[in-house]
């Protein structure tokens, strides 16, 4: 009888050890799964993440964007939409002709979130600014005036312009500017000659101003 009891105890101990080993293996697998999940990242495809420029507020359209001018001392050519990069829409062909300071032109368009995620604006970028004197206009005076040719952007229905960007080219970082899935936002791109400045250099004739592509870069995160 004593031997039988010992055998029973051995069997019980072996069963308990098997249960403990099984639980340990199961917990290890569960922990590994947790680690994998915690380390996962979302890398959306171009079909899932699309932030595009549009010439229409209500539908996606890519007609040329005609500039609005405010007097006869400034004129501008139409700009073109480039949506070839689905996370960084661009506006190309920004060309304005100035005769006098304190004048400007602006382009109105919309940015649309056609993807499946909230899109966060991360940066505003524009390419090289170039000022070219027309025939009969002094290059030296145009070079001086060019320093006060600015580009800036208005978002939504807010008519307050962002700080003017005067540089030859520039990148402006942006935070806390989300665009919801399926939403659109109006954008106005302003190009002007002088802004709240005194003693603005005046050219002695017409001159052309061009900017490299204006690009907005978006991300799925705001970090």
Protein backbone atom coordinates (compact mmCIF):
# COMPACT_ATOMS: atom_id res chain seq x y z
CA UNK A 1 0.00 0.00 0.00
CA UNK A 2 2.81 2.39 0.87
CA UNK A 3 4.50 1.70 -2.47
CA UNK A 4 1.25 2.37 -4.31
CA UNK A 5 0.86 5.73 -2.56
CA UNK A 6 4.41 6.66 -3.57
CA UNK A 7 3.65 5.76 -7.17
CA UNK A 8 0.52 7.92 -7.06
CA UNK A 9 2.53 10.85 -5.69
CA UNK A 10 5.11 10.48 -8.46
CA UNK A 11 2.35 10.45 -11.07
CA UNK A 12 0.73 13.55 -9.56
CA UNK A 13 4.09 15.40 -9.47
CA UNK A 14 4.81 14.48 -13.09
CA UNK A 15 1.36 15.72 -14.10
CA UNK A 16 1.90 19.00 -12.27
CA UNK A 17 5.29 19.47 -13.95
CA UNK A 18 3.70 18.86 -17.35
CA UNK A 19 1.03 21.45 -16.61
CA UNK A 20 3.65 24.01 -15.50
CA UNK A 21 5.78 23.40 -18.61
CA UNK A 22 2.72 23.74 -20.85
CA UNK A 23 1.69 26.99 -19.18
CA UNK A 24 5.25 28.35 -19.46
CA UNK A 25 5.41 27.56 -23.18
CA UNK A 26 1.96 29.07 -23.72
CA UNK A 27 2.85 32.25 -21.85
CA UNK A 28 6.10 32.55 -23.79
CA UNK A 29 4.22 32.33 -27.08
CA UNK A 30 1.63 34.85 -25.84
CA UNK A 31 4.37 37.27 -24.76
CA UNK A 32 6.09 36.97 -28.10
CA UNK A 33 2.84 37.77 -29.85
CA UNK A 34 2.44 40.86 -27.71
CA UNK A 35 5.93 42.04 -28.56
CA UNK A 36 5.30 41.56 -32.26
CA UNK A 37 2.06 43.52 -32.06
CA UNK A 38 3.68 46.34 -30.10
CA UNK A 39 6.44 46.63 -32.66
CA UNK A 40 4.14 46.69 -35.69
CA UNK A 41 4.00 49.77 -37.91
CA UNK A 42 1.57 50.86 -40.59
CA UNK A 43 3.05 51.55 -43.99
CA UNK A 44 0.14 52.64 -46.19
CA UNK A 45 0.30 52.15 -49.92
CA UNK A 46 -0.33 54.96 -52.38
CA UNK A 47 -3.87 53.67 -52.80
CA UNK A 48 -4.52 54.05 -49.04
CA UNK A 49 -2.80 57.40 -48.44
CA UNK A 50 -3.63 60.12 -50.96
CA UNK A 51 -3.46 63.85 -50.33
CA UNK A 52 -3.99 65.67 -53.61
CA UNK A 53 -4.38 69.19 -54.93
CA UNK A 54 -7.63 69.99 -56.69
CA UNK A 55 -9.02 72.90 -58.67
CA UNK A 56 -12.47 72.10 -57.19
CA UNK A 57 -13.67 72.00 -53.60
CA UNK A 58 -16.30 69.30 -54.16
CA UNK A 59 -14.63 66.89 -56.59
CA UNK A 60 -11.08 65.96 -57.52
CA UNK A 61 -10.13 68.03 -60.58
CA UNK A 62 -6.76 69.11 -61.92
CA UNK A 63 -7.54 72.12 -64.10
CA UNK A 64 -4.93 74.87 -64.28
CA UNK A 65 -5.15 77.42 -61.47
CA UNK A 66 -5.69 80.97 -62.73
CA UNK A 67 -4.16 83.68 -60.56
CA UNK A 68 -6.16 86.61 -59.26
CA UNK A 69 -4.48 90.00 -59.50
CA UNK A 70 -5.53 93.21 -57.80
CA UNK A 71 -4.47 96.00 -60.18
CA UNK A 72 -2.85 96.57 -63.55
CA UNK A 73 0.64 96.71 -62.01
CA UNK A 74 0.83 92.92 -61.69
CA UNK A 75 0.00 89.97 -63.94
CA UNK A 76 0.45 86.21 -63.61
CA UNK A 77 0.33 83.00 -65.62
CA UNK A 78 -1.80 79.99 -64.67
CA UNK A 79 -0.19 77.36 -62.45
CA UNK A 80 -0.45 73.59 -62.90
CA UNK A 81 -1.27 70.85 -60.40
CA UNK A 82 1.14 67.92 -60.05
CA UNK A 83 -0.25 65.00 -58.01
CA UNK A 84 2.32 62.44 -59.10
CA UNK A 85 3.43 61.97 -55.47
CA UNK A 86 0.29 60.98 -53.49
CA UNK A 87 1.66 62.31 -50.18
CA UNK A 88 3.24 65.53 -51.49
CA UNK A 89 1.06 67.45 -53.95
CA UNK A 90 2.80 70.23 -55.91
CA UNK A 91 1.87 73.41 -57.70
CA UNK A 92 4.12 74.27 -60.64
CA UNK A 93 4.53 77.23 -62.96
CA UNK A 94 4.28 80.06 -60.42
CA UNK A 95 5.16 83.08 -62.56
CA UNK A 96 4.25 86.70 -61.82
CA UNK A 97 5.22 89.98 -63.52
CA UNK A 98 5.51 93.11 -61.35
CA UNK A 99 5.64 96.79 -62.25
CA UNK A 100 5.38 98.41 -58.82
CA UNK A 101 5.76 97.42 -55.15
CA UNK A 102 2.93 96.63 -52.73
CA UNK A 103 1.14 94.53 -55.33
CA UNK A 104 0.46 90.81 -55.36
CA UNK A 105 -1.28 87.91 -57.04
CA UNK A 106 -2.82 84.83 -55.47
CA UNK A 107 -3.76 81.32 -56.56
CA UNK A 108 -6.73 79.53 -54.95
CA UNK A 109 -7.00 75.74 -54.90
CA UNK A 110 -7.93 72.92 -52.53
CA UNK A 111 -6.09 70.04 -50.94
CA UNK A 112 -8.18 66.87 -50.62
CA UNK A 113 -7.63 63.81 -48.42
CA UNK A 114 -8.62 60.98 -50.76
CA UNK A 115 -7.03 58.26 -48.60
CA UNK A 116 -8.05 56.11 -45.65
CA UNK A 117 -6.11 57.88 -42.89
CA UNK A 118 -6.01 61.28 -41.23
CA UNK A 119 -3.27 63.26 -42.99
CA UNK A 120 -1.00 65.63 -41.07
CA UNK A 121 0.72 68.50 -42.86
CA UNK A 122 4.42 68.32 -42.00
CA UNK A 123 6.08 70.92 -44.21
CA UNK A 124 5.63 73.61 -46.86
CA UNK A 125 8.40 73.71 -49.45
CA UNK A 126 9.06 75.98 -52.40
CA UNK A 127 11.88 75.92 -54.90
CA UNK A 128 14.22 78.57 -56.19
CA UNK A 129 12.96 82.13 -56.53
CA UNK A 130 14.22 83.85 -59.67
CA UNK A 131 13.74 87.48 -60.72
CA UNK A 132 14.43 88.45 -64.32
CA UNK A 133 14.52 92.01 -65.65
CA UNK A 134 12.58 92.65 -68.82
CA UNK A 135 14.05 94.61 -71.69
CA UNK A 136 14.87 98.16 -70.60
CA UNK A 137 14.77 97.36 -66.87
CA UNK A 138 17.89 97.59 -64.71
CA UNK A 139 19.13 94.20 -63.48
CA UNK A 140 20.70 95.81 -60.41
CA UNK A 141 17.41 97.38 -59.36
CA UNK A 142 15.56 94.11 -59.99
CA UNK A 143 18.07 92.21 -57.88
CA UNK A 144 17.42 94.64 -55.01
CA UNK A 145 13.64 94.41 -55.42
CA UNK A 146 13.81 90.61 -55.60
CA UNK A 147 14.83 90.43 -51.96
CA UNK A 148 11.36 91.68 -51.01
CA UNK A 149 9.39 89.34 -53.26
CA UNK A 150 7.59 86.97 -50.90
CA UNK A 151 5.56 83.79 -51.06
CA UNK A 152 3.09 82.83 -48.36
CA UNK A 153 0.03 80.64 -47.85
CA UNK A 154 -3.43 81.03 -46.32
CA UNK A 155 -5.22 77.88 -45.14
CA UNK A 156 -8.98 77.45 -44.94
CA UNK A 157 -11.11 80.58 -44.67
CA UNK A 158 -8.53 82.38 -42.56
CA UNK A 159 -7.40 85.50 -44.42
CA UNK A 160 -4.42 85.96 -42.11
CA UNK A 161 -1.31 85.12 -44.11
CA UNK A 162 1.42 82.98 -42.64
CA UNK A 163 4.77 84.64 -42.14
CA UNK A 164 6.11 85.69 -45.57
CA UNK A 165 8.87 83.51 -46.97
CA UNK A 166 11.43 85.70 -48.71
CA UNK A 167 14.23 83.20 -49.24
CA UNK A 168 15.62 81.95 -52.51
CA UNK A 169 14.09 78.64 -51.50
CA UNK A 170 12.58 77.60 -48.19
CA UNK A 171 11.10 74.80 -46.12
CA UNK A 172 8.66 75.63 -43.33
CA UNK A 173 7.89 72.90 -40.77
CA UNK A 174 4.27 72.51 -39.65
CA UNK A 175 2.71 70.79 -36.64
CA UNK A 176 -0.84 70.13 -35.44
CA UNK A 177 -2.47 70.60 -38.84
CA UNK A 178 -4.62 67.48 -39.55
CA UNK A 179 -6.82 66.88 -42.57
CA UNK A 180 -9.56 64.34 -41.91
CA UNK A 181 -10.29 61.43 -44.21
CA UNK A 182 -12.53 62.64 -47.05
CA UNK A 183 -12.08 66.31 -46.11
CA UNK A 184 -10.84 69.22 -48.24
CA UNK A 185 -9.16 72.48 -47.29
CA UNK A 186 -8.89 75.71 -49.27
CA UNK A 187 -5.40 77.02 -49.92
CA UNK A 188 -4.41 80.43 -51.25
CA UNK A 189 -0.86 80.97 -52.45
CA UNK A 190 0.19 84.61 -52.37
CA UNK A 191 3.14 86.08 -54.26
CA UNK A 192 3.78 89.73 -53.55
CA UNK A 193 6.25 92.57 -53.85
CA UNK A 194 6.89 94.17 -50.46
CA UNK A 195 4.93 93.37 -47.30
CA UNK A 196 4.62 95.75 -44.35
CA UNK A 197 8.04 97.10 -45.32
CA UNK A 198 9.32 100.64 -45.67
CA UNK A 199 11.73 101.92 -48.31
CA UNK A 200 11.03 99.03 -50.68
CA UNK A 201 13.47 99.10 -53.63
CA UNK A 202 11.66 100.08 -56.83
CA UNK A 203 12.71 98.70 -60.18
CA UNK A 204 12.69 101.05 -63.15
CA UNK A 205 10.51 98.76 -65.28
CA UNK A 206 8.73 95.42 -65.44
CA UNK A 207 10.35 92.24 -64.18
CA UNK A 208 9.33 88.60 -63.99
CA UNK A 209 9.36 86.45 -60.86
CA UNK A 210 9.21 82.66 -60.86
CA UNK A 211 9.20 80.18 -58.00
CA UNK A 212 10.14 76.53 -58.11
CA UNK A 213 7.44 73.99 -57.29
CA UNK A 214 5.39 74.65 -54.17
CA UNK A 215 4.95 71.33 -52.34
CA UNK A 216 3.00 70.34 -49.24
CA UNK A 217 4.25 67.18 -47.52
CA UNK A 218 1.84 65.07 -45.46
CA UNK A 219 2.24 62.11 -43.09
CA UNK A 220 0.01 59.61 -41.27
CA UNK A 221 1.42 60.84 -37.94
CA UNK A 222 2.02 64.24 -36.39
CA UNK A 223 5.19 63.19 -34.58
